[in-house]
C-alpha atoms as a PDB file:
ATOM      1  CA  MET A   1       9.021  15.569  35.915  1.00  0.00           C
ATOM      2  CA  GLY A   2       9.679  18.705  33.898  1.00  0.00           C
ATOM      3  CA  SER A   3       7.552  20.038  31.216  1.00  0.00           C
ATOM      4  CA  LEU A   4       7.293  18.451  27.717  1.00  0.00           C
ATOM      5  CA  HIS A   5       9.954  20.807  26.474  1.00  0.00           C
ATOM      6  CA  ASP A   6      12.425  19.897  29.176  1.00  0.00           C
ATOM      7  CA  MET A   7      12.171  16.216  28.422  1.00  0.00           C
ATOM      8  CA  THR A   8      14.534  14.646  25.935  1.00  0.00           C
ATOM      9  CA  LYS A   9      13.000  14.799  22.531  1.00  0.00           C
ATOM     10  CA  ARG A  10      12.793  11.635  20.424  1.00  0.00           C
ATOM     11  CA  ALA A  11      11.682  11.172  16.838  1.00  0.00           C
ATOM     12  CA  GLY A  12      11.756   8.308  14.476  1.00  0.00           C
ATOM     13  CA  PHE A  13      10.178   6.558  11.476  1.00  0.00           C
ATOM     14  CA  VAL A  14       8.006   3.504  12.031  1.00  0.00           C
ATOM     15  CA  ALA A  15       6.817   1.282   9.240  1.00  0.00           C
ATOM     16  CA  LEU A  16       3.728  -0.831   9.816  1.00  0.00           C
ATOM     17  CA  ILE A  17       3.856  -3.851   7.511  1.00  0.00           C
ATOM     18  CA  GLY A  18       1.739  -6.887   6.965  1.00  0.00           C
ATOM     19  CA  GLU A  19      -0.370  -8.664   4.464  1.00  0.00           C
ATOM     20  CA  PRO A  20      -3.384  -6.732   3.035  1.00  0.00           C
ATOM     21  CA  ASN A  21      -6.376  -6.267   5.362  1.00  0.00           C
ATOM     22  CA  THR A  22      -4.470  -7.130   8.543  1.00  0.00           C
ATOM     23  CA  GLY A  23      -5.800  -3.924  10.243  1.00  0.00           C
ATOM     24  CA  LYS A  24      -2.889  -1.576   9.486  1.00  0.00           C
ATOM     25  CA  SER A  25      -5.215   1.439   8.908  1.00  0.00           C
ATOM     26  CA  THR A  26      -7.279   0.676  11.975  1.00  0.00           C
ATOM     27  CA  LEU A  27      -4.073   0.424  14.148  1.00  0.00           C
ATOM     28  CA  LEU A  28      -2.693   3.663  12.611  1.00  0.00           C
ATOM     29  CA  ASN A  29      -5.881   5.545  13.295  1.00  0.00           C
ATOM     30  CA  ARG A  30      -5.801   4.319  16.939  1.00  0.00           C
ATOM     31  CA  MET A  31      -2.248   5.415  17.511  1.00  0.00           C
ATOM     32  CA  VAL A  32      -2.538   8.685  15.754  1.00  0.00           C
ATOM     33  CA  GLY A  33      -5.977   9.528  17.143  1.00  0.00           C
ATOM     34  CA  ALA A  34      -9.338   9.918  15.505  1.00  0.00           C
ATOM     35  CA  LYS A  35      -7.943  12.566  13.148  1.00  0.00           C
ATOM     36  CA  VAL A  36      -4.985  11.368  11.218  1.00  0.00           C
ATOM     37  CA  SER A  37      -2.348  13.950  10.551  1.00  0.00           C
ATOM     38  CA  ILE A  38      -1.600  14.984   7.012  1.00  0.00           C
ATOM     39  CA  VAL A  39       1.794  16.559   6.810  1.00  0.00           C
ATOM     40  CA  THR A  40       2.468  19.649   4.740  1.00  0.00           C
ATOM     41  CA  HIS A  41       5.851  18.692   3.450  1.00  0.00           C
ATOM     42  CA  LYS A  42       7.974  15.558   3.121  1.00  0.00           C
ATOM     43  CA  VAL A  43      11.141  14.928   5.100  1.00  0.00           C
ATOM     44  CA  GLN A  44      13.703  14.000   2.545  1.00  0.00           C
ATOM     45  CA  THR A  45      15.020  10.974   4.386  1.00  0.00           C
ATOM     46  CA  THR A  46      12.113   8.748   3.679  1.00  0.00           C
ATOM     47  CA  ARG A  47      11.101   7.368   0.373  1.00  0.00           C
ATOM     48  CA  ALA A  48       7.670   6.494   1.467  1.00  0.00           C
ATOM     49  CA  ARG A  49       4.534   8.535   1.935  1.00  0.00           C
ATOM     50  CA  ILE A  50       3.812   9.604   5.467  1.00  0.00           C
ATOM     51  CA  ARG A  51       0.540   8.268   6.805  1.00  0.00           C
ATOM     52  CA  GLY A  52       0.427   9.909  10.141  1.00  0.00           C
ATOM     53  CA  ILE A  53       2.249  11.235  13.201  1.00  0.00           C
ATOM     54  CA  ALA A  54       1.636  10.172  16.797  1.00  0.00           C
ATOM     55  CA  MET A  55       2.880  12.226  19.724  1.00  0.00           C
ATOM     56  CA  GLU A  56       3.582  10.399  22.959  1.00  0.00           C
ATOM     57  CA  GLY A  57       5.164  12.430  25.708  1.00  0.00           C
ATOM     58  CA  ALA A  58       8.223  14.084  24.103  1.00  0.00           C
ATOM     59  CA  ALA A  59       8.394  11.525  21.370  1.00  0.00           C
ATOM     60  CA  GLN A  60       7.222  11.976  17.754  1.00  0.00           C
ATOM     61  CA  ILE A  61       6.444   8.776  15.947  1.00  0.00           C
ATOM     62  CA  VAL A  62       6.216   9.208  12.171  1.00  0.00           C
ATOM     63  CA  PHE A  63       4.416   6.359  10.451  1.00  0.00           C
ATOM     64  CA  VAL A  64       5.494   5.692   6.931  1.00  0.00           C
ATOM     65  CA  ASP A  65       3.540   3.838   4.294  1.00  0.00           C
ATOM     66  CA  THR A  66       4.938   0.743   2.564  1.00  0.00           C
ATOM     67  CA  PRO A  67       2.582   0.535  -0.383  1.00  0.00           C
ATOM     68  CA  GLY A  68       1.537  -2.690  -2.034  1.00  0.00           C
ATOM     69  CA  LEU A  69       4.467  -4.741  -0.620  1.00  0.00           C
ATOM     70  CA  PHE A  70       3.452  -8.288  -0.659  1.00  0.00           C
ATOM     71  CA  ARG A  71       2.086 -10.356  -3.455  1.00  0.00           C
ATOM     72  CA  PRO A  72       3.136 -13.885  -2.470  1.00  0.00           C
ATOM     73  CA  ARG A  73       3.556 -16.538  -5.149  1.00  0.00           C
ATOM     74  CA  ARG A  74       4.616 -13.918  -7.687  1.00  0.00           C
ATOM     75  CA  ARG A  75       8.341 -13.777  -8.268  1.00  0.00           C
ATOM     76  CA  LEU A  76       8.672 -10.071  -8.223  1.00  0.00           C
ATOM     77  CA  ASP A  77      11.536  -8.415  -9.886  1.00  0.00           C
ATOM     78  CA  ARG A  78      14.171  -7.604  -7.144  1.00  0.00           C
ATOM     79  CA  ALA A  79      14.290  -3.950  -8.112  1.00  0.00           C
ATOM     80  CA  MET A  80      10.598  -3.566  -7.679  1.00  0.00           C
ATOM     81  CA  VAL A  81      10.626  -5.309  -4.369  1.00  0.00           C
ATOM     82  CA  ALA A  82      13.485  -2.974  -3.232  1.00  0.00           C
ATOM     83  CA  ALA A  83      11.499   0.110  -4.313  1.00  0.00           C
ATOM     84  CA  ALA A  84       8.363  -1.075  -2.586  1.00  0.00           C
ATOM     85  CA  TRP A  85      10.415  -1.729   0.578  1.00  0.00           C
ATOM     86  CA  GLY A  86      11.703   1.868   0.642  1.00  0.00           C
ATOM     87  CA  GLY A  87       9.622   2.916   3.600  1.00  0.00           C
ATOM     88  CA  ALA A  88      10.645  -0.061   5.649  1.00  0.00           C
ATOM     89  CA  VAL A  89      14.315   0.175   4.753  1.00  0.00           C
ATOM     90  CA  ASP A  90      14.392   3.812   5.895  1.00  0.00           C
ATOM     91  CA  ALA A  91      12.486   3.160   9.135  1.00  0.00           C
ATOM     92  CA  ASP A  92      14.012   2.994  12.563  1.00  0.00           C
ATOM     93  CA  ILE A  93      11.544   0.376  13.674  1.00  0.00           C
ATOM     94  CA  VAL A  94       9.392  -1.954  11.689  1.00  0.00           C
ATOM     95  CA  VAL A  95       6.241  -3.438  13.168  1.00  0.00           C
ATOM     96  CA  LEU A  96       4.910  -6.601  11.507  1.00  0.00           C
ATOM     97  CA  LEU A  97       1.186  -7.007  11.907  1.00  0.00           C
ATOM     98  CA  VAL A  98      -0.079 -10.560  11.849  1.00  0.00           C
ATOM     99  CA  GLU A  99      -3.737 -11.700  12.193  1.00  0.00           C
ATOM    100  CA  ALA A 100      -4.148 -14.070  15.205  1.00  0.00           C
ATOM    101  CA  HIS A 101      -6.675 -16.309  13.425  1.00  0.00           C
ATOM    102  CA  ARG A 102      -4.666 -16.639  10.184  1.00  0.00           C
ATOM    103  CA  GLY A 103      -1.223 -17.075  11.792  1.00  0.00           C
ATOM    104  CA  LEU A 104       1.952 -17.831   9.883  1.00  0.00           C
ATOM    105  CA  THR A 105       0.623 -17.831   6.333  1.00  0.00           C
ATOM    106  CA  ASP A 106       2.705 -18.188   3.137  1.00  0.00           C
ATOM    107  CA  GLY A 107       2.357 -14.323   2.796  1.00  0.00           C
ATOM    108  CA  VAL A 108       3.840 -13.832   6.258  1.00  0.00           C
ATOM    109  CA  ARG A 109       6.648 -16.227   5.518  1.00  0.00           C
ATOM    110  CA  ALA A 110       7.421 -14.238   2.291  1.00  0.00           C
ATOM    111  CA  ILE A 111       7.565 -11.058   4.356  1.00  0.00           C
ATOM    112  CA  LEU A 112       9.904 -12.648   6.877  1.00  0.00           C
ATOM    113  CA  ASP A 113      12.244 -13.770   4.071  1.00  0.00           C
ATOM    114  CA  THR A 114      12.269 -10.316   2.661  1.00  0.00           C
ATOM    115  CA  LEU A 115      12.911  -8.710   6.068  1.00  0.00           C
ATOM    116  CA  ARG A 116      15.985 -10.869   6.440  1.00  0.00           C
ATOM    117  CA  GLU A 117      17.210 -10.022   2.961  1.00  0.00           C
ATOM    118  CA  LYS A 118      16.374  -6.318   2.635  1.00  0.00           C
ATOM    119  CA  LEU A 119      16.495  -4.592   6.001  1.00  0.00           C
ATOM    120  CA  PRO A 120      19.699  -2.927   7.165  1.00  0.00           C
ATOM    121  CA  GLU A 121      21.062  -4.659  10.295  1.00  0.00           C
ATOM    122  CA  ARG A 122      20.341  -1.680  12.498  1.00  0.00           C
ATOM    123  CA  THR A 123      16.527  -1.919  11.823  1.00  0.00           C
ATOM    124  CA  ARG A 124      14.614  -3.232  14.751  1.00  0.00           C
ATOM    125  CA  VAL A 125      11.572  -5.364  14.123  1.00  0.00           C
ATOM    126  CA  ALA A 126       8.609  -5.880  16.541  1.00  0.00           C
ATOM    127  CA  LEU A 127       5.683  -8.268  16.139  1.00  0.00           C
ATOM    128  CA  ALA A 128       2.097  -7.225  16.679  1.00  0.00           C
ATOM    129  CA  ILE A 129      -0.441 -10.045  16.685  1.00  0.00           C
ATOM    130  CA  ASN A 130      -3.857  -8.384  15.885  1.00  0.00           C
ATOM    131  CA  LYS A 131      -7.394  -9.509  16.372  1.00  0.00           C
ATOM    132  CA  ILE A 132      -6.533 -11.503  19.543  1.00  0.00           C
ATOM    133  CA  ASP A 133     -10.205 -11.675  20.486  1.00  0.00           C
ATOM    134  CA  ARG A 134     -10.671 -14.183  17.621  1.00  0.00           C
ATOM    135  CA  VAL A 135      -8.613 -16.938  19.157  1.00  0.00           C
ATOM    136  CA  LYS A 136      -8.095 -18.738  22.500  1.00  0.00           C
ATOM    137  CA  ALA A 137      -5.217 -17.883  24.768  1.00  0.00           C
ATOM    138  CA  GLU A 138      -3.331 -21.164  24.202  1.00  0.00           C
ATOM    139  CA  ALA A 139      -3.495 -20.771  20.466  1.00  0.00           C
ATOM    140  CA  LEU A 140      -2.216 -17.253  20.807  1.00  0.00           C
ATOM    141  CA  LEU A 141       0.803 -18.308  22.853  1.00  0.00           C
ATOM    142  CA  ALA A 142       1.576 -21.047  20.445  1.00  0.00           C
ATOM    143  CA  LEU A 143       1.464 -18.686  17.534  1.00  0.00           C
ATOM    144  CA  ALA A 144       3.695 -16.110  19.286  1.00  0.00           C
ATOM    145  CA  GLN A 145       6.250 -18.855  19.920  1.00  0.00           C
ATOM    146  CA  GLU A 146       6.044 -20.130  16.302  1.00  0.00           C
ATOM    147  CA  LEU A 147       6.563 -16.580  14.923  1.00  0.00           C
ATOM    148  CA  ASN A 148       9.457 -15.830  17.193  1.00  0.00           C
ATOM    149  CA  ALA A 149      11.097 -19.066  16.264  1.00  0.00           C
ATOM    150  CA  ALA A 150      10.762 -18.024  12.613  1.00  0.00           C
ATOM    151  CA  PHE A 151      12.224 -14.514  13.097  1.00  0.00           C
ATOM    152  CA  PRO A 152      14.224 -12.772  15.945  1.00  0.00           C
ATOM    153  CA  PHE A 153      11.543 -10.175  16.877  1.00  0.00           C
ATOM    154  CA  GLU A 154      12.689  -7.665  19.494  1.00  0.00           C
ATOM    155  CA  LYS A 155       9.341  -7.678  21.201  1.00  0.00           C
ATOM    156  CA  THR A 156       5.841  -9.160  20.762  1.00  0.00           C
ATOM    157  CA  PHE A 157       2.663  -7.327  21.334  1.00  0.00           C
ATOM    158  CA  MET A 158      -0.834  -8.831  21.592  1.00  0.00           C
ATOM    159  CA  ILE A 159      -3.392  -6.294  20.420  1.00  0.00           C
ATOM    160  CA  SER A 160      -6.897  -5.643  19.043  1.00  0.00           C
ATOM    161  CA  ALA A 161      -6.561  -2.540  16.927  1.00  0.00           C
ATOM    162  CA  GLU A 162     -10.349  -2.402  16.609  1.00  0.00           C
ATOM    163  CA  ARG A 163     -11.075  -2.495  20.315  1.00  0.00           C
ATOM    164  CA  GLY A 164      -7.880  -0.708  21.385  1.00  0.00           C
ATOM    165  CA  HIS A 165      -6.452  -3.583  23.522  1.00  0.00           C
ATOM    166  CA  GLY A 166      -2.659  -3.433  23.838  1.00  0.00           C
ATOM    167  CA  VAL A 167      -2.350  -0.425  21.467  1.00  0.00           C
ATOM    168  CA  GLU A 168      -1.172   2.016  24.101  1.00  0.00           C
ATOM    169  CA  ASP A 169       1.530  -0.444  25.201  1.00  0.00           C
ATOM    170  CA  LEU A 170       2.776  -0.616  21.642  1.00  0.00           C
ATOM    171  CA  LYS A 171       2.730   3.155  21.202  1.00  0.00           C
ATOM    172  CA  ARG A 172       4.544   3.672  24.504  1.00  0.00           C
ATOM    173  CA  TRP A 173       7.209   1.225  23.540  1.00  0.00           C
ATOM    174  CA  LEU A 174       7.720   2.862  20.121  1.00  0.00           C
ATOM    175  CA  ALA A 175       7.953   6.247  21.806  1.00  0.00           C
ATOM    176  CA  ALA A 176      10.646   4.980  24.150  1.00  0.00           C
ATOM    177  CA  GLU A 177      12.562   3.253  21.479  1.00  0.00           C
ATOM    178  CA  VAL A 178      12.773   5.812  18.550  1.00  0.00           C
ATOM    179  CA  PRO A 179      16.103   7.593  18.541  1.00  0.00           C
ATOM    180  CA  GLU A 180      16.840  10.664  20.599  1.00  0.00           C
ATOM    181  CA  GLY A 181      16.797  13.818  18.525  1.00  0.00           C
ATOM    182  CA  PRO A 182      14.767  16.759  17.393  1.00  0.00           C
ATOM    183  CA  TRP A 183      11.301  16.268  15.980  1.00  0.00           C
ATOM    184  CA  PHE A 184      11.023  16.036  12.202  1.00  0.00           C
ATOM    185  CA  TYR A 185       7.890  18.157  12.179  1.00  0.00           C
ATOM    186  CA  PRO A 186       7.222  21.211  14.356  1.00  0.00           C
ATOM    187  CA  GLU A 187       4.013  21.047  16.206  1.00  0.00           C
ATOM    188  CA  ASP A 188       2.400  23.756  14.132  1.00  0.00           C
ATOM    189  CA  GLN A 189       3.177  21.901  10.868  1.00  0.00           C
ATOM    190  CA  ILE A 190       1.100  18.867  11.809  1.00  0.00           C
ATOM    191  CA  ALA A 191      -2.295  19.707  10.521  1.00  0.00           C
ATOM    192  CA  ASP A 192      -5.067  17.750  12.138  1.00  0.00           C
ATOM    193  CA  LEU A 193      -7.617  17.323   9.373  1.00  0.00           C
ATOM    194  CA  PRO A 194     -11.016  15.797   9.958  1.00  0.00           C
ATOM    195  CA  MET A 195     -11.789  12.652   8.035  1.00  0.00           C
ATOM    196  CA  ARG A 196     -14.011  14.348   5.452  1.00  0.00           C
ATOM    197  CA  MET A 197     -11.202  16.712   4.531  1.00  0.00           C
ATOM    198  CA  ILE A 198      -8.780  13.797   4.201  1.00  0.00           C
ATOM    199  CA  ALA A 199     -11.291  12.070   1.893  1.00  0.00           C
ATOM    200  CA  ALA A 200     -11.500  15.218  -0.263  1.00  0.00           C
ATOM    201  CA  GLU A 201      -7.716  15.430  -0.377  1.00  0.00           C
ATOM    202  CA  ILE A 202      -7.418  11.808  -1.516  1.00  0.00           C
ATOM    203  CA  THR A 203      -9.808  12.539  -4.427  1.00  0.00           C
ATOM    204  CA  ARG A 204      -7.949  15.682  -5.328  1.00  0.00           C
ATOM    205  CA  GLU A 205      -4.701  13.714  -5.404  1.00  0.00           C
ATOM    206  CA  LYS A 206      -6.313  11.174  -7.806  1.00  0.00           C
ATOM    207  CA  LEU A 207      -7.459  13.951 -10.136  1.00  0.00           C
ATOM    208  CA  THR A 208      -3.939  15.424 -10.125  1.00  0.00           C
ATOM    209  CA  LEU A 209      -2.450  12.037 -10.985  1.00  0.00           C
ATOM    210  CA  ARG A 210      -4.946  11.387 -13.694  1.00  0.00           C
ATOM    211  CA  LEU A 211      -4.875  14.839 -15.376  1.00  0.00           C
ATOM    212  CA  HIS A 212      -1.219  15.883 -15.065  1.00  0.00           C
ATOM    213  CA  GLU A 213      -0.608  18.982 -17.187  1.00  0.00           C
ATOM    214  CA  GLU A 214      -4.217  19.542 -18.298  1.00  0.00           C
ATOM    215  CA  LEU A 215      -5.459  19.841 -14.744  1.00  0.00           C
ATOM    216  CA  PRO A 216      -7.216  23.102 -14.173  1.00  0.00           C
ATOM    217  CA  TYR A 217      -5.373  24.427 -11.157  1.00  0.00           C
ATOM    218  CA  GLN A 218      -8.521  26.249 -10.028  1.00  0.00           C
ATOM    219  CA  LEU A 219     -10.026  23.036  -8.783  1.00  0.00           C
ATOM    220  CA  THR A 220     -11.295  22.022  -5.303  1.00  0.00           C
ATOM    221  CA  VAL A 221     -12.973  18.954  -3.914  1.00  0.00           C
ATOM    222  CA  GLU A 222     -15.410  19.053  -1.030  1.00  0.00           C
ATOM    223  CA  THR A 223     -17.081  16.287   0.882  1.00  0.00           C
ATOM    224  CA  GLU A 224     -20.660  17.275   1.023  1.00  0.00           C
ATOM    225  CA  HIS A 225     -22.301  14.344   2.723  1.00  0.00           C
ATOM    226  CA  TRP A 226     -20.945  11.558   4.868  1.00  0.00           C
ATOM    227  CA  GLN A 227     -23.248   8.817   6.029  1.00  0.00           C
ATOM    228  CA  GLU A 228     -22.230   5.837   8.152  1.00  0.00           C
ATOM    229  CA  ARG A 229     -24.455   2.955   7.173  1.00  0.00           C
ATOM    230  CA  GLU A 230     -25.754   0.208   9.334  1.00  0.00           C
ATOM    231  CA  ASP A 231     -23.839  -2.426   7.414  1.00  0.00           C
ATOM    232  CA  GLY A 232     -20.597  -0.722   8.507  1.00  0.00           C
ATOM    233  CA  SER A 233     -19.924   0.966   5.176  1.00  0.00           C
ATOM    234  CA  ALA A 234     -19.802   4.717   4.444  1.00  0.00           C
ATOM    235  CA  ARG A 235     -21.575   6.601   1.781  1.00  0.00           C
ATOM    236  CA  ILE A 236     -19.539   9.671   0.774  1.00  0.00           C
ATOM    237  CA  ASP A 237     -20.763  12.378  -1.646  1.00  0.00           C
ATOM    238  CA  GLN A 238     -18.166  14.784  -2.984  1.00  0.00           C
ATOM    239  CA  VAL A 239     -18.336  17.722  -5.373  1.00  0.00           C
ATOM    240  CA  ILE A 240     -15.437  18.714  -7.599  1.00  0.00           C
ATOM    241  CA  TYR A 241     -15.633  22.467  -8.196  1.00  0.00           C
ATOM    242  CA  VAL A 242     -14.080  23.857 -11.265  1.00  0.00           C
ATOM    243  CA  ALA A 243     -13.857  27.526 -12.331  1.00  0.00           C
ATOM    244  CA  ARG A 244     -15.034  27.181 -15.960  1.00  0.00           C
ATOM    245  CA  ASP A 245     -17.314  25.108 -18.208  1.00  0.00           C
ATOM    246  CA  GLY A 246     -14.466  23.950 -20.274  1.00  0.00           C
ATOM    247  CA  HIS A 247     -12.829  22.505 -17.259  1.00  0.00           C
ATOM    248  CA  LYS A 248     -15.825  20.415 -16.488  1.00  0.00           C
ATOM    249  CA  GLY A 249     -15.347  18.403 -19.724  1.00  0.00           C
ATOM    250  CA  ILE A 250     -11.683  17.829 -18.824  1.00  0.00           C
ATOM    251  CA  VAL A 251     -12.523  16.397 -15.388  1.00  0.00           C
ATOM    252  CA  LEU A 252     -15.392  14.225 -16.812  1.00  0.00           C
ATOM    253  CA  GLY A 253     -13.217  12.922 -19.664  1.00  0.00           C
ATOM    254  CA  LYS A 254     -14.474  11.223 -22.823  1.00  0.00           C
ATOM    255  CA  GLY A 255     -17.667   9.318 -21.994  1.00  0.00           C
ATOM    256  CA  GLY A 256     -17.072  10.116 -18.406  1.00  0.00           C
ATOM    257  CA  GLU A 257     -14.117   7.809 -18.210  1.00  0.00           C
ATOM    258  CA  THR A 258     -11.786  10.208 -16.292  1.00  0.00           C
ATOM    259  CA  ILE A 259     -14.237  10.831 -13.524  1.00  0.00           C
ATOM    260  CA  LYS A 260     -14.952   7.123 -13.268  1.00  0.00           C
ATOM    261  CA  ALA A 261     -11.327   6.188 -12.998  1.00  0.00           C
ATOM    262  CA  VAL A 262     -10.672   8.899 -10.388  1.00  0.00           C
ATOM    263  CA  GLY A 263     -13.768   7.799  -8.417  1.00  0.00           C
ATOM    264  CA  ARG A 264     -12.559   4.182  -8.429  1.00  0.00           C
ATOM    265  CA  ASP A 265      -9.028   4.962  -7.346  1.00  0.00           C
ATOM    266  CA  ALA A 266     -10.182   7.396  -4.664  1.00  0.00           C
ATOM    267  CA  ARG A 267     -12.786   4.929  -3.374  1.00  0.00           C
ATOM    268  CA  VAL A 268     -10.222   2.188  -2.934  1.00  0.00           C
ATOM    269  CA  GLU A 269      -7.810   4.433  -1.075  1.00  0.00           C
ATOM    270  CA  ILE A 270     -10.448   6.051   1.123  1.00  0.00           C
ATOM    271  CA  ALA A 271     -11.804   2.585   1.996  1.00  0.00           C
ATOM    272  CA  GLU A 272      -8.305   1.371   2.889  1.00  0.00           C
ATOM    273  CA  PHE A 273      -7.689   4.443   4.961  1.00  0.00           C
ATOM    274  CA  LEU A 274     -10.919   4.180   6.865  1.00  0.00           C
ATOM    275  CA  GLY A 275     -10.883   0.391   7.140  1.00  0.00           C
ATOM    276  CA  CYS A 276     -14.436  -0.091   5.917  1.00  0.00           C
ATOM    277  CA  PRO A 277     -16.241  -0.367   2.592  1.00  0.00           C
ATOM    278  CA  VAL A 278     -16.944   2.942   0.905  1.00  0.00           C
ATOM    279  CA  HIS A 279     -19.565   4.048  -1.654  1.00  0.00           C
ATOM    280  CA  LEU A 280     -18.221   7.203  -3.326  1.00  0.00           C
ATOM    281  CA  PHE A 281     -20.281   9.582  -5.464  1.00  0.00           C
ATOM    282  CA  LEU A 282     -18.639  12.361  -7.369  1.00  0.00           C
ATOM    283  CA  GLN A 283     -20.295  15.316  -9.054  1.00  0.00           C
ATOM    284  CA  VAL A 284     -18.585  18.093 -11.041  1.00  0.00           C
ATOM    285  CA  LYS A 285     -19.925  21.584 -10.664  1.00  0.00           C
ATOM    286  CA  VAL A 286     -18.905  24.922 -12.221  1.00  0.00           C
ATOM    287  CA  ARG A 287     -18.575  27.705  -9.781  1.00  0.00           C
ATOM    288  CA  GLU A 288     -16.793  30.550 -11.431  1.00  0.00           C
ATOM    289  CA  ASN A 289     -15.660  32.498  -8.426  1.00  0.00           C
ATOM    290  CA  TRP A 290     -15.247  29.737  -5.812  1.00  0.00           C
ATOM    291  CA  GLN A 291     -11.810  31.118  -5.040  1.00  0.00           C
ATOM    292  CA  GLU A 292     -13.252  34.376  -3.878  1.00  0.00           C
ATOM    293  CA  GLU A 293     -15.911  32.876  -1.753  1.00  0.00           C
ATOM    294  CA  ARG A 294     -15.382  33.289   1.994  1.00  0.00           C
ATOM    295  CA  GLU A 295     -17.005  30.160   3.201  1.00  0.00           C
ATOM    296  CA  ARG A 296     -14.921  27.982   0.889  1.00  0.00           C
ATOM    297  CA  TYR A 297     -11.837  29.242   2.598  1.00  0.00           C
ATOM    298  CA  SER A 298     -13.108  28.702   6.146  1.00  0.00           C
ATOM    299  CA  GLU A 299     -14.162  25.100   5.205  1.00  0.00           C
ATOM    300  CA  MET A 300     -10.581  24.541   3.994  1.00  0.00           C
ATOM    301  CA  GLY A 301      -9.261  25.938   7.209  1.00  0.00           C
ATOM    302  CA  LEU A 302      -7.715  28.901   5.476  1.00  0.00           C
ATOM    303  CA  ASP A 303      -7.990  32.562   6.540  1.00  0.00           C
ATOM    304  CA  PHE A 304      -9.750  34.661   3.970  1.00  0.00           C
ATOM    305  CA  LYS A 305      -8.437  38.236   3.951  1.00  0.00           C
ATOM    306  CA  ASP A 306      -9.974  40.859   1.730  1.00  0.00           C
ATOM    307  CA  GLY A 307      -7.541  42.031  -0.939  1.00  0.00           C
ATOM    308  CA  ASP A 308      -5.213  39.094  -0.620  1.00  0.00           C
END
């Protein structure tokens, strides 16, 4: 075998889809590694946000998000459904995640109908039955047969995202099946950020969305404390640093409503990302010269050079 650089490079987009709470985030974190990669720029070919990048041999697997896809029993406007399916439609491979103990629910049926209707013919669809430790082997085989009778899946994987069973097989298969071609992201552009920085980044994104034009650009979010609790939840304390007193009022909002809304949105997304309940506490502090402080830069992974 030659070195990594002699091997044929492969790269492709993979969409993980499924009903809410099927374990998508847990599976993603397993495949990408303990640190999820946040990417510095978007590749134009995908309409979805990029959730992470897994490297396997000479293959780069780019996982795309398919936000809020499925709300069964609500006749969604076709255009809305099409927009939500953007990530899946652009993907080379779609992996449908189904919970072993819930099986072929109405929600899964709705997803299969939409897959038939929306996906370009070239898109390949694999099935991953998750949480296999919750059911007996016979029930598992029966479910796999039932699902494959309902849709022509290319391959079926039995996995436990939480325990890691079968995840490597799925990752190796994806790596072998994505198209040949150059990587979308050079190695040095995939920043491995620890979880606490990702959590801070999510809160900063929510502030940006909420404040638009009035956002003081001199604003940073830091995760000060992170406590894993015995009940499986996480308590996260973050500080939003602003450069001036006046900015503090903008971030807090009238009667504190801005910060409450930001906290709520960020908590939901961080919890989904981590796959566990989150208690998020936000504080706003004024620190006039935070941009000049050396340790702020090193925490953000930036080089601080005098005079820059």
